[in-house]
Amino acid sequence: MSSSSAATVGVKESSTEKRGLWSSRLAFVLAATGSAVGLGNIWKFPYITGENGGGAFVIVYLLCIAGIGIPIMMAEVLIGRRGGHSPINSMRLAAQREQLSKGWTIVGAVGVLAAFLILSFYSVIGGWAISYVGTAATGGLVGQSEEAIGAIFSGLLGDPATLLLWHTVFMALVIVVVARGVKAGLERAVTFLMPALFVLLLIVVGYAMTTGSFGRAVSFLFAPDFSSLTTAGVLVALGHAFFTLSLGMAVMMAYGSYLPKNVSIAKTAVTVSIIDTVVALTAGLAIFPIVFANGLEPGAGPGLIFQTLPLAFGNMPMGSLVGTLFFVLLIFAAWTSGISLLEPLVEWLEEQKGLNRTVSAVGAGIACWALGIVSILSLNVWSDVTPLGMFAMFEGKTIFDLLDFLTASILLPLGGLLVAVFAGWFMSRQALESELATSPGAFKLWYNTLRYFTPVAVAAVFVYNLL
């Protein structure tokens, strides 16, 4: 054994001992689902479904989860567990074992960078949800007109001090959990937060069933009208299937590094994908009946959660209570995702810099919080600053918009594409079969999908986003 190999093994043993493993398959499923179930499910999925015609879009989305989401998730978890390190070092080890260039390490680095950048502005949006809990609970939405509701949201975005306060609170919540480690922090938090999120979501669905428009919402979501589906809508479904499962951002590699060897990667990935999809569809069943009952537009875009729904909450029976519960639900969803986004960088700092868990979490969290301030200012004081506005594709994009575009449209598809190519074309089939330990038929289906269909689909999304 070479000295470098010995050093690698030493790092792995000490790292595993220090960081620990998930206590059970259920713990990993809850954590991975917590990462996947976030603002993408509760906020983004309903409005893009509304924009793209409902049921036909949902069918394409489900096919994309099966053809893109599950194969890449399995590959990311596989690489993470096989490496037993942070995403960057797991990729380095995987390449080393296949006698490949160390350049493949960039795949892990791209994911860690994407997660860090996303959390910096994701935390700002999480802060919006915290702010709206107070507004809904104190009756601030009751009886308000559409203009008044719009003024509440624009007033929040125009107040950097308030945005900074809630951004700080949200980041503090994330840091506290991550600093406590795998079992005492991540696992304990998701064991409480995920069941609570499901209960809150079902309560809101229960209310939605009393609005008189639940049947219309069911038809909208599950009765396909393919005449309303465009090519752009198909590509949106492809992209969202990728984003909603936290792929391309190193999270599943990081969580996979804590996964015991006796847990089935295939069964776990399928379970997480199913739960994530069920939550997204359930969110639609919670939101669209309220939208339809109040004569609002289902394709209201990004403002659906923070402008359209608050208008409905303010003008319906028990609106303050339902609105408060809904925004608490949104906080829980954002919190579990925020925890997962900080984890890859913290894991790397522990390994590479020899820092303890608390110092790593606080340091990474403060850096992320500081970058978030730039996003806050771009919503108000720097709202007219468009750093890359001289290029047509970036015209009119603020710093907040640029961070969103860079991560969702470039880094995530790029990271996922590279993972699919690396696992499908460069890792030995023997290593993949050994790690997955699934039936020959199931392995062949996954392997061929990952090699031939998934890269083409992700590349299509990548090119579409750039053009």
Protein backbone atom coordinates (compact mmCIF):
# COMPACT_ATOMS: atom_id res chain seq x y z
CA MET A 1 0.00 0.00 0.00
CA SER A 2 1.39 3.43 -0.95
CA SER A 3 1.77 6.18 1.60
CA SER A 4 -0.95 8.19 -0.12
CA SER A 5 -3.33 5.22 0.05
CA ALA A 6 -2.50 4.74 3.71
CA ALA A 7 -3.22 8.38 4.36
CA THR A 8 -6.51 8.06 2.55
CA VAL A 9 -7.58 5.07 4.62
CA GLY A 10 -6.57 6.86 7.80
CA VAL A 11 -8.66 9.86 6.91
CA LYS A 12 -11.63 7.63 6.13
CA GLU A 13 -11.47 5.76 9.41
CA SER A 14 -11.09 8.82 11.58
CA SER A 15 -13.69 10.71 9.57
CA THR A 16 -16.28 7.95 9.89
CA GLU A 17 -15.61 7.54 13.58
CA LYS A 18 -15.91 11.26 14.19
CA ARG A 19 -19.00 11.90 12.05
CA GLY A 20 -20.93 8.70 12.66
CA LEU A 21 -23.60 7.06 10.53
CA TRP A 22 -27.36 7.28 10.25
CA SER A 23 -28.85 5.04 12.93
CA SER A 24 -31.26 3.39 10.48
CA ARG A 25 -32.63 3.41 6.95
CA LEU A 26 -35.60 5.42 8.21
CA ALA A 27 -33.26 8.13 9.53
CA PHE A 28 -31.62 8.46 6.11
CA VAL A 29 -34.99 8.46 4.34
CA LEU A 30 -36.26 11.25 6.61
CA ALA A 31 -33.07 13.28 6.14
CA ALA A 32 -32.95 12.83 2.37
CA THR A 33 -36.67 13.54 2.11
CA GLY A 34 -36.19 16.61 4.28
CA SER A 35 -33.59 17.83 1.83
CA ALA A 36 -35.77 17.07 -1.18
CA VAL A 37 -38.99 18.45 0.34
CA GLY A 38 -38.48 22.18 0.43
CA LEU A 39 -39.63 25.38 -1.20
CA GLY A 40 -39.48 23.54 -4.52
CA ASN A 41 -42.43 21.37 -3.44
CA ILE A 42 -44.55 23.84 -1.49
CA TRP A 43 -43.78 27.00 -3.48
CA LYS A 44 -42.41 26.21 -6.94
CA PHE A 45 -44.20 23.00 -7.98
CA PRO A 46 -47.74 24.40 -7.59
CA TYR A 47 -47.08 27.56 -9.57
CA ILE A 48 -45.17 25.89 -12.43
CA THR A 49 -47.93 23.29 -12.62
CA GLY A 50 -50.42 26.13 -12.86
CA GLU A 51 -48.38 27.86 -15.56
CA ASN A 52 -48.09 24.69 -17.65
CA GLY A 53 -51.64 23.42 -17.73
CA GLY A 54 -51.95 21.03 -14.79
CA GLY A 55 -52.42 17.29 -15.34
CA ALA A 56 -50.35 16.85 -18.53
CA PHE A 57 -47.44 18.62 -16.87
CA VAL A 58 -47.78 16.38 -13.80
CA ILE A 59 -47.54 13.22 -15.93
CA VAL A 60 -44.38 14.46 -17.68
CA TYR A 61 -42.95 15.46 -14.31
CA LEU A 62 -43.55 11.96 -12.89
CA LEU A 63 -41.82 10.40 -15.90
CA CYS A 64 -38.88 12.74 -15.39
CA ILE A 65 -38.60 11.75 -11.73
CA ALA A 66 -38.36 8.11 -12.85
CA GLY A 67 -35.99 8.68 -15.78
CA ILE A 68 -33.73 11.39 -14.36
CA GLY A 69 -34.28 11.90 -10.65
CA ILE A 70 -34.02 8.36 -9.32
CA PRO A 71 -31.04 7.27 -11.47
CA ILE A 72 -28.95 10.32 -10.55
CA MET A 73 -29.93 10.14 -6.89
CA MET A 74 -28.80 6.52 -6.76
CA ALA A 75 -25.51 7.46 -8.41
CA GLU A 76 -24.86 10.33 -5.97
CA VAL A 77 -25.67 8.26 -2.88
CA LEU A 78 -23.56 5.41 -4.25
CA ILE A 79 -20.51 7.65 -4.75
CA GLY A 80 -20.97 9.21 -1.30
CA ARG A 81 -21.25 5.89 0.51
CA ARG A 82 -18.41 4.31 -1.45
CA GLY A 83 -16.14 7.26 -0.61
CA GLY A 84 -17.28 7.75 2.99
CA HIS A 85 -16.11 11.36 2.86
CA SER A 86 -17.30 14.81 1.89
CA PRO A 87 -18.49 15.05 -1.74
CA ILE A 88 -15.17 16.50 -2.91
CA ASN A 89 -13.08 13.78 -1.30
CA SER A 90 -15.54 11.02 -2.21
CA MET A 91 -15.21 11.99 -5.87
CA ARG A 92 -11.43 12.06 -5.50
CA LEU A 93 -11.43 8.58 -4.00
CA ALA A 94 -13.84 7.21 -6.60
CA ALA A 95 -11.64 8.52 -9.42
CA GLN A 96 -8.52 7.19 -7.73
CA ARG A 97 -9.98 3.70 -7.40
CA GLU A 98 -10.85 3.67 -11.09
CA GLN A 99 -7.35 5.02 -11.92
CA LEU A 100 -8.85 8.16 -13.41
CA SER A 101 -7.74 11.78 -13.38
CA LYS A 102 -8.05 13.77 -10.16
CA GLY A 103 -9.88 16.29 -12.31
CA TRP A 104 -13.11 14.44 -11.55
CA THR A 105 -12.89 15.99 -8.07
CA ILE A 106 -14.37 19.10 -9.67
CA VAL A 107 -17.75 17.33 -9.74
CA GLY A 108 -17.89 17.35 -5.94
CA ALA A 109 -16.59 20.91 -5.81
CA VAL A 110 -19.29 22.13 -8.22
CA GLY A 111 -21.94 20.56 -6.00
CA VAL A 112 -20.56 22.05 -2.78
CA LEU A 113 -20.34 25.49 -4.40
CA ALA A 114 -23.90 25.21 -5.73
CA ALA A 115 -25.24 24.24 -2.29
CA PHE A 116 -23.43 27.15 -0.64
CA LEU A 117 -24.70 29.70 -3.18
CA ILE A 118 -28.26 28.36 -3.06
CA LEU A 119 -28.40 28.52 0.73
CA SER A 120 -27.24 32.15 0.70
CA PHE A 121 -30.45 33.29 -1.07
CA TYR A 122 -32.65 30.36 0.01
CA SER A 123 -32.21 31.63 3.55
CA VAL A 124 -33.56 35.01 2.48
CA ILE A 125 -36.70 33.35 1.09
CA GLY A 126 -36.98 31.29 4.29
CA GLY A 127 -36.94 34.61 6.11
CA TRP A 128 -39.94 35.75 4.06
CA ALA A 129 -41.87 32.74 5.37
CA ILE A 130 -40.93 33.57 8.98
CA SER A 131 -42.11 37.15 8.46
CA TYR A 132 -45.43 35.99 7.00
CA VAL A 133 -46.13 33.76 10.00
CA GLY A 134 -46.27 36.88 12.16
CA THR A 135 -48.32 38.79 9.60
CA ALA A 136 -50.89 35.98 9.27
CA ALA A 137 -51.07 35.21 13.00
CA THR A 138 -51.74 38.85 13.95
CA GLY A 139 -54.53 39.23 11.39
CA GLY A 140 -52.46 41.36 9.04
CA LEU A 141 -53.94 39.66 5.99
CA VAL A 142 -57.62 39.87 7.02
CA GLY A 143 -59.84 41.81 4.65
CA GLN A 144 -56.97 43.14 2.59
CA SER A 145 -57.37 44.02 -1.07
CA GLU A 146 -55.13 42.68 -3.81
CA GLU A 147 -53.25 45.99 -3.84
CA ALA A 148 -52.78 45.92 -0.07
CA ILE A 149 -51.48 42.33 -0.15
CA GLY A 150 -49.06 43.33 -2.90
CA ALA A 151 -47.96 46.29 -0.78
CA ILE A 152 -47.22 43.98 2.18
CA PHE A 153 -44.89 41.87 0.04
CA SER A 154 -43.21 44.78 -1.73
CA GLY A 155 -42.85 46.52 1.64
CA LEU A 156 -41.05 43.47 3.01
CA LEU A 157 -38.70 43.29 0.02
CA GLY A 158 -38.02 47.01 0.29
CA ASP A 159 -36.99 46.84 3.96
CA PRO A 160 -33.38 45.58 4.20
CA ALA A 161 -33.32 45.71 8.01
CA THR A 162 -36.35 43.42 8.35
CA LEU A 163 -35.04 41.07 5.67
CA LEU A 164 -31.68 40.91 7.46
CA LEU A 165 -33.38 40.09 10.78
CA TRP A 166 -35.33 37.11 9.39
CA HIS A 167 -32.42 35.96 7.21
CA THR A 168 -30.28 35.90 10.37
CA VAL A 169 -32.92 33.95 12.31
CA PHE A 170 -33.24 31.37 9.54
CA MET A 171 -29.47 30.88 9.21
CA ALA A 172 -29.15 30.55 12.97
CA LEU A 173 -31.76 27.76 12.95
CA VAL A 174 -29.77 25.94 10.26
CA ILE A 175 -26.40 26.38 11.97
CA VAL A 176 -27.66 25.15 15.36
CA VAL A 177 -28.86 21.86 13.87
CA VAL A 178 -25.83 21.20 11.65
CA ALA A 179 -23.38 22.03 14.46
CA ARG A 180 -24.79 19.20 16.59
CA GLY A 181 -23.68 16.53 14.11
CA VAL A 182 -25.35 13.64 12.34
CA LYS A 183 -27.33 11.92 15.10
CA ALA A 184 -27.79 14.69 17.66
CA GLY A 185 -28.39 17.36 15.00
CA LEU A 186 -29.50 16.30 11.54
CA GLU A 187 -31.20 13.05 12.51
CA ARG A 188 -32.98 14.38 15.59
CA ALA A 189 -34.18 17.48 13.74
CA VAL A 190 -35.66 15.65 10.75
CA THR A 191 -37.24 13.03 13.03
CA PHE A 192 -39.36 15.86 14.45
CA LEU A 193 -39.63 18.26 11.51
CA MET A 194 -40.66 15.82 8.76
CA PRO A 195 -43.65 14.26 10.59
CA ALA A 196 -44.67 17.76 11.72
CA LEU A 197 -44.48 18.98 8.12
CA PHE A 198 -46.67 16.10 6.91
CA VAL A 199 -49.25 16.75 9.65
CA LEU A 200 -49.40 20.49 8.87
CA LEU A 201 -49.77 19.78 5.16
CA LEU A 202 -52.64 17.35 5.79
CA ILE A 203 -54.38 19.92 8.02
CA VAL A 204 -54.26 22.49 5.21
CA VAL A 205 -55.51 19.84 2.75
CA GLY A 206 -58.34 19.06 5.18
CA TYR A 207 -59.35 22.70 5.11
CA ALA A 208 -59.02 22.82 1.32
CA MET A 209 -61.55 19.99 1.07
CA THR A 210 -64.17 22.24 2.68
CA THR A 211 -63.81 25.06 0.13
CA GLY A 212 -66.12 23.49 -2.46
CA SER A 213 -63.39 23.53 -5.12
CA PHE A 214 -61.46 20.41 -4.14
CA GLY A 215 -62.89 18.38 -7.04
CA ARG A 216 -61.84 21.06 -9.50
CA ALA A 217 -58.32 20.98 -8.07
CA VAL A 218 -58.16 17.19 -8.40
CA SER A 219 -59.23 17.45 -12.05
CA PHE A 220 -56.72 20.21 -12.69
CA LEU A 221 -53.86 18.12 -11.28
CA PHE A 222 -54.77 14.66 -12.54
CA ALA A 223 -56.91 15.06 -15.69
CA PRO A 224 -54.33 15.67 -18.43
CA ASP A 225 -54.91 18.07 -21.30
CA PHE A 226 -51.88 17.59 -23.52
CA SER A 227 -52.97 20.40 -25.84
CA SER A 228 -51.92 22.85 -23.11
CA LEU A 229 -48.43 21.35 -22.75
CA THR A 230 -45.61 23.00 -24.71
CA THR A 231 -42.03 21.95 -25.39
CA ALA A 232 -40.93 24.57 -22.89
CA GLY A 233 -43.27 23.00 -20.33
CA VAL A 234 -41.67 19.58 -20.85
CA LEU A 235 -38.22 21.06 -20.26
CA VAL A 236 -39.48 22.86 -17.15
CA ALA A 237 -40.71 19.49 -15.86
CA LEU A 238 -37.31 17.96 -16.60
CA GLY A 239 -35.52 20.74 -14.76
CA HIS A 240 -37.81 20.70 -11.75
CA ALA A 241 -37.62 16.93 -11.36
CA PHE A 242 -33.88 17.43 -11.11
CA PHE A 243 -34.02 20.37 -8.70
CA THR A 244 -36.69 19.02 -6.37
CA LEU A 245 -34.64 15.95 -5.38
CA SER A 246 -31.62 18.08 -4.36
CA LEU A 247 -29.51 16.66 -7.19
CA GLY A 248 -26.32 18.25 -8.47
CA MET A 249 -25.71 20.09 -5.21
CA ALA A 250 -23.63 17.42 -3.42
CA VAL A 251 -26.28 16.90 -0.73
CA MET A 252 -27.03 13.29 -1.59
CA MET A 253 -23.31 12.51 -1.74
CA ALA A 254 -22.85 14.04 1.71
CA TYR A 255 -25.83 12.20 3.17
CA GLY A 256 -24.79 9.01 1.38
CA SER A 257 -21.40 9.13 3.12
CA TYR A 258 -23.23 8.48 6.41
CA LEU A 259 -25.27 5.56 5.02
CA PRO A 260 -24.54 2.10 6.51
CA LYS A 261 -23.42 -0.57 4.04
CA ASN A 262 -26.38 -2.83 4.80
CA VAL A 263 -28.96 -0.30 3.58
CA SER A 264 -30.25 -0.67 0.00
CA ILE A 265 -29.45 2.42 -2.05
CA ALA A 266 -32.01 1.54 -4.72
CA LYS A 267 -34.94 1.03 -2.33
CA THR A 268 -34.00 4.13 -0.36
CA ALA A 269 -33.73 6.37 -3.44
CA VAL A 270 -37.08 5.16 -4.76
CA THR A 271 -38.70 5.71 -1.36
CA VAL A 272 -37.34 9.25 -1.06
CA SER A 273 -38.46 10.09 -4.62
CA ILE A 274 -41.96 8.75 -4.00
CA ILE A 275 -42.38 10.67 -0.74
CA ASP A 276 -41.05 13.87 -2.33
CA THR A 277 -43.47 13.52 -5.24
CA VAL A 278 -46.42 12.77 -2.95
CA VAL A 279 -45.65 15.90 -0.93
CA ALA A 280 -45.50 18.03 -4.09
CA LEU A 281 -48.85 16.69 -5.31
CA THR A 282 -50.37 17.06 -1.84
CA ALA A 283 -49.18 20.69 -1.77
CA GLY A 284 -51.08 21.16 -5.02
CA LEU A 285 -54.20 19.68 -3.40
CA ALA A 286 -53.73 22.09 -0.49
CA ILE A 287 -53.20 25.18 -2.60
CA PHE A 288 -55.35 24.93 -5.74
CA PRO A 289 -58.74 24.46 -4.00
CA ILE A 290 -58.08 27.69 -2.09
CA VAL A 291 -57.00 29.43 -5.31
CA PHE A 292 -60.05 28.25 -7.27
CA ALA A 293 -62.50 28.93 -4.43
CA ASN A 294 -61.39 32.54 -4.35
CA GLY A 295 -61.47 33.06 -8.09
CA LEU A 296 -57.71 33.45 -8.34
CA GLU A 297 -55.33 32.45 -11.12
CA PRO A 298 -53.49 29.08 -10.72
CA GLY A 299 -50.71 30.23 -13.05
CA ALA A 300 -49.88 33.25 -10.90
CA GLY A 301 -46.16 32.49 -11.04
CA PRO A 302 -43.67 32.95 -8.19
CA GLY A 303 -46.08 35.31 -6.42
CA LEU A 304 -48.56 32.46 -5.85
CA ILE A 305 -47.38 31.79 -2.28
CA PHE A 306 -46.53 35.29 -1.07
CA GLN A 307 -49.19 37.33 -2.88
CA THR A 308 -52.00 35.22 -4.35
CA LEU A 309 -52.53 32.84 -1.40
CA PRO A 310 -52.28 35.58 1.27
CA LEU A 311 -55.11 37.35 -0.55
CA ALA A 312 -57.18 34.16 -0.24
CA PHE A 313 -56.20 33.67 3.43
CA GLY A 314 -57.28 37.21 4.22
CA ASN A 315 -60.73 36.78 2.75
CA MET A 316 -61.87 33.35 3.90
CA PRO A 317 -63.20 31.88 7.17
CA MET A 318 -60.43 30.95 9.63
CA GLY A 319 -58.01 32.53 7.18
CA SER A 320 -55.58 33.74 9.85
CA LEU A 321 -55.26 30.26 11.36
CA VAL A 322 -54.92 28.47 8.01
CA GLY A 323 -52.48 31.11 6.78
CA THR A 324 -50.35 30.80 9.91
CA LEU A 325 -50.26 27.00 9.64
CA PHE A 326 -49.34 27.23 5.97
CA PHE A 327 -46.37 29.53 6.53
CA VAL A 328 -45.16 27.43 9.49
CA LEU A 329 -45.28 24.50 7.06
CA LEU A 330 -43.22 26.53 4.59
CA ILE A 331 -40.63 27.29 7.29
CA PHE A 332 -40.28 23.62 8.21
CA ALA A 333 -39.82 22.68 4.54
CA ALA A 334 -37.20 25.39 4.03
CA TRP A 335 -35.42 24.52 7.30
CA THR A 336 -34.90 20.82 6.47
CA SER A 337 -33.55 21.80 3.05
CA GLY A 338 -31.34 24.52 4.51
CA ILE A 339 -29.76 21.99 6.87
CA SER A 340 -28.86 19.72 3.96
CA LEU A 341 -27.42 22.61 1.91
CA LEU A 342 -24.94 23.56 4.63
CA GLU A 343 -23.85 19.98 5.32
CA PRO A 344 -21.56 19.37 2.29
CA LEU A 345 -19.34 22.37 3.07
CA VAL A 346 -19.25 21.61 6.81
CA GLU A 347 -18.29 18.00 6.10
CA TRP A 348 -15.44 19.18 3.84
CA LEU A 349 -14.16 21.72 6.41
CA GLU A 350 -14.05 19.00 9.06
CA GLU A 351 -11.96 16.75 6.83
CA GLN A 352 -9.77 19.20 4.98
CA LYS A 353 -9.09 21.80 7.66
CA GLY A 354 -9.29 19.58 10.73
CA LEU A 355 -11.90 21.83 12.33
CA ASN A 356 -14.40 20.46 14.83
CA ARG A 357 -18.07 20.24 13.93
CA THR A 358 -19.21 23.39 15.73
CA VAL A 359 -16.47 25.61 14.32
CA SER A 360 -17.06 24.25 10.81
CA ALA A 361 -20.82 24.84 10.99
CA VAL A 362 -20.52 28.34 12.45
CA GLY A 363 -17.79 29.36 10.00
CA ALA A 364 -19.61 28.04 6.93
CA GLY A 365 -22.91 29.45 8.17
CA ILE A 366 -21.51 32.94 8.75
CA ALA A 367 -19.94 32.97 5.28
CA CYS A 368 -23.27 31.95 3.77
CA TRP A 369 -25.12 34.53 5.87
CA ALA A 370 -22.74 37.26 4.68
CA LEU A 371 -23.30 36.41 1.03
CA GLY A 372 -27.03 36.44 1.72
CA ILE A 373 -26.77 40.12 2.65
CA VAL A 374 -25.79 40.83 -0.97
CA SER A 375 -29.01 39.13 -2.10
CA ILE A 376 -31.01 41.18 0.40
CA LEU A 377 -29.55 44.46 -0.87
CA SER A 378 -30.21 43.44 -4.47
CA LEU A 379 -33.93 43.39 -3.64
CA ASN A 380 -33.95 47.06 -2.62
CA VAL A 381 -30.88 49.31 -2.32
CA TRP A 382 -29.09 47.61 -5.24
CA SER A 383 -32.22 46.69 -7.19
CA ASP A 384 -30.95 48.60 -10.22
CA VAL A 385 -27.55 46.88 -10.17
CA THR A 386 -27.31 44.27 -12.96
CA PRO A 387 -23.64 43.17 -12.98
CA LEU A 388 -23.82 41.22 -16.24
CA GLY A 389 -26.52 43.28 -17.90
CA MET A 390 -24.33 43.90 -20.94
CA PHE A 391 -25.00 40.31 -22.01
CA ALA A 392 -28.44 39.60 -23.49
CA MET A 393 -29.07 36.45 -21.42
CA PHE A 394 -28.40 38.36 -18.17
CA GLU A 395 -30.21 41.56 -19.09
CA GLY A 396 -32.22 42.92 -16.15
CA LYS A 397 -30.94 40.27 -13.72
CA THR A 398 -30.09 41.52 -10.25
CA ILE A 399 -27.50 39.78 -8.06
CA PHE A 400 -30.33 37.72 -6.51
CA ASP A 401 -31.50 36.70 -9.98
CA LEU A 402 -27.95 35.88 -11.08
CA LEU A 403 -27.35 33.58 -8.12
CA ASP A 404 -30.62 31.79 -8.85
CA PHE A 405 -29.78 31.45 -12.54
CA LEU A 406 -26.17 30.38 -11.96
CA THR A 407 -27.16 27.61 -9.57
CA ALA A 408 -30.47 26.31 -10.96
CA SER A 409 -29.67 26.69 -14.67
CA ILE A 410 -25.91 26.02 -14.82
CA LEU A 411 -24.30 24.43 -11.75
CA LEU A 412 -27.02 21.91 -10.87
CA PRO A 413 -27.56 20.50 -14.39
CA LEU A 414 -23.81 20.51 -14.97
CA GLY A 415 -23.13 18.67 -11.72
CA GLY A 416 -25.87 16.11 -12.36
CA LEU A 417 -24.71 15.54 -15.94
CA LEU A 418 -21.14 14.90 -14.79
CA VAL A 419 -22.31 12.51 -12.06
CA ALA A 420 -24.35 10.52 -14.60
CA VAL A 421 -21.43 10.37 -17.05
CA PHE A 422 -18.91 9.45 -14.35
CA ALA A 423 -21.00 6.68 -12.78
CA GLY A 424 -22.45 5.41 -16.05
CA TRP A 425 -19.34 5.48 -18.23
CA PHE A 426 -16.24 5.61 -16.04
CA MET A 427 -16.92 3.61 -12.88
CA SER A 428 -16.46 -0.12 -13.28
CA ARG A 429 -19.64 -2.14 -13.58
CA GLN A 430 -18.34 -4.47 -10.87
CA ALA A 431 -17.99 -1.60 -8.40
CA LEU A 432 -21.50 -0.36 -9.17
CA GLU A 433 -23.06 -3.81 -8.84
CA SER A 434 -21.23 -4.41 -5.56
CA GLU A 435 -22.39 -1.09 -4.07
CA LEU A 436 -26.02 -1.32 -5.21
CA ALA A 437 -26.42 -5.04 -4.42
CA THR A 438 -29.71 -5.23 -6.28
CA SER A 439 -31.22 -7.79 -8.67
CA PRO A 440 -29.63 -8.18 -12.14
CA GLY A 441 -32.76 -6.91 -13.86
CA ALA A 442 -33.09 -3.82 -11.66
CA PHE A 443 -29.39 -3.06 -12.04
CA LYS A 444 -29.54 -3.35 -15.83
CA LEU A 445 -32.54 -0.99 -15.99
CA TRP A 446 -30.80 1.61 -13.79
CA TYR A 447 -27.45 1.25 -15.55
CA ASN A 448 -28.81 1.66 -19.07
CA THR A 449 -31.07 4.56 -18.07
CA LEU A 450 -28.14 6.34 -16.39
CA ARG A 451 -25.85 5.78 -19.38
CA TYR A 452 -28.16 6.61 -22.28
CA PHE A 453 -31.34 8.46 -21.32
CA THR A 454 -30.43 10.54 -18.27
CA PRO A 455 -27.39 12.40 -19.72
CA VAL A 456 -29.29 13.34 -22.88
CA ALA A 457 -32.28 14.63 -20.89
CA VAL A 458 -30.13 16.66 -18.48
CA ALA A 459 -28.06 18.05 -21.37
CA ALA A 460 -31.31 19.16 -23.04
CA VAL A 461 -32.31 21.07 -19.90
CA PHE A 462 -28.82 22.55 -19.62
CA VAL A 463 -28.81 23.83 -23.23
CA TYR A 464 -32.39 25.09 -22.95
CA ASN A 465 -31.54 27.07 -19.81
CA LEU A 466 -28.53 28.67 -21.50
CA LEU A 467 -30.50 29.60 -24.62
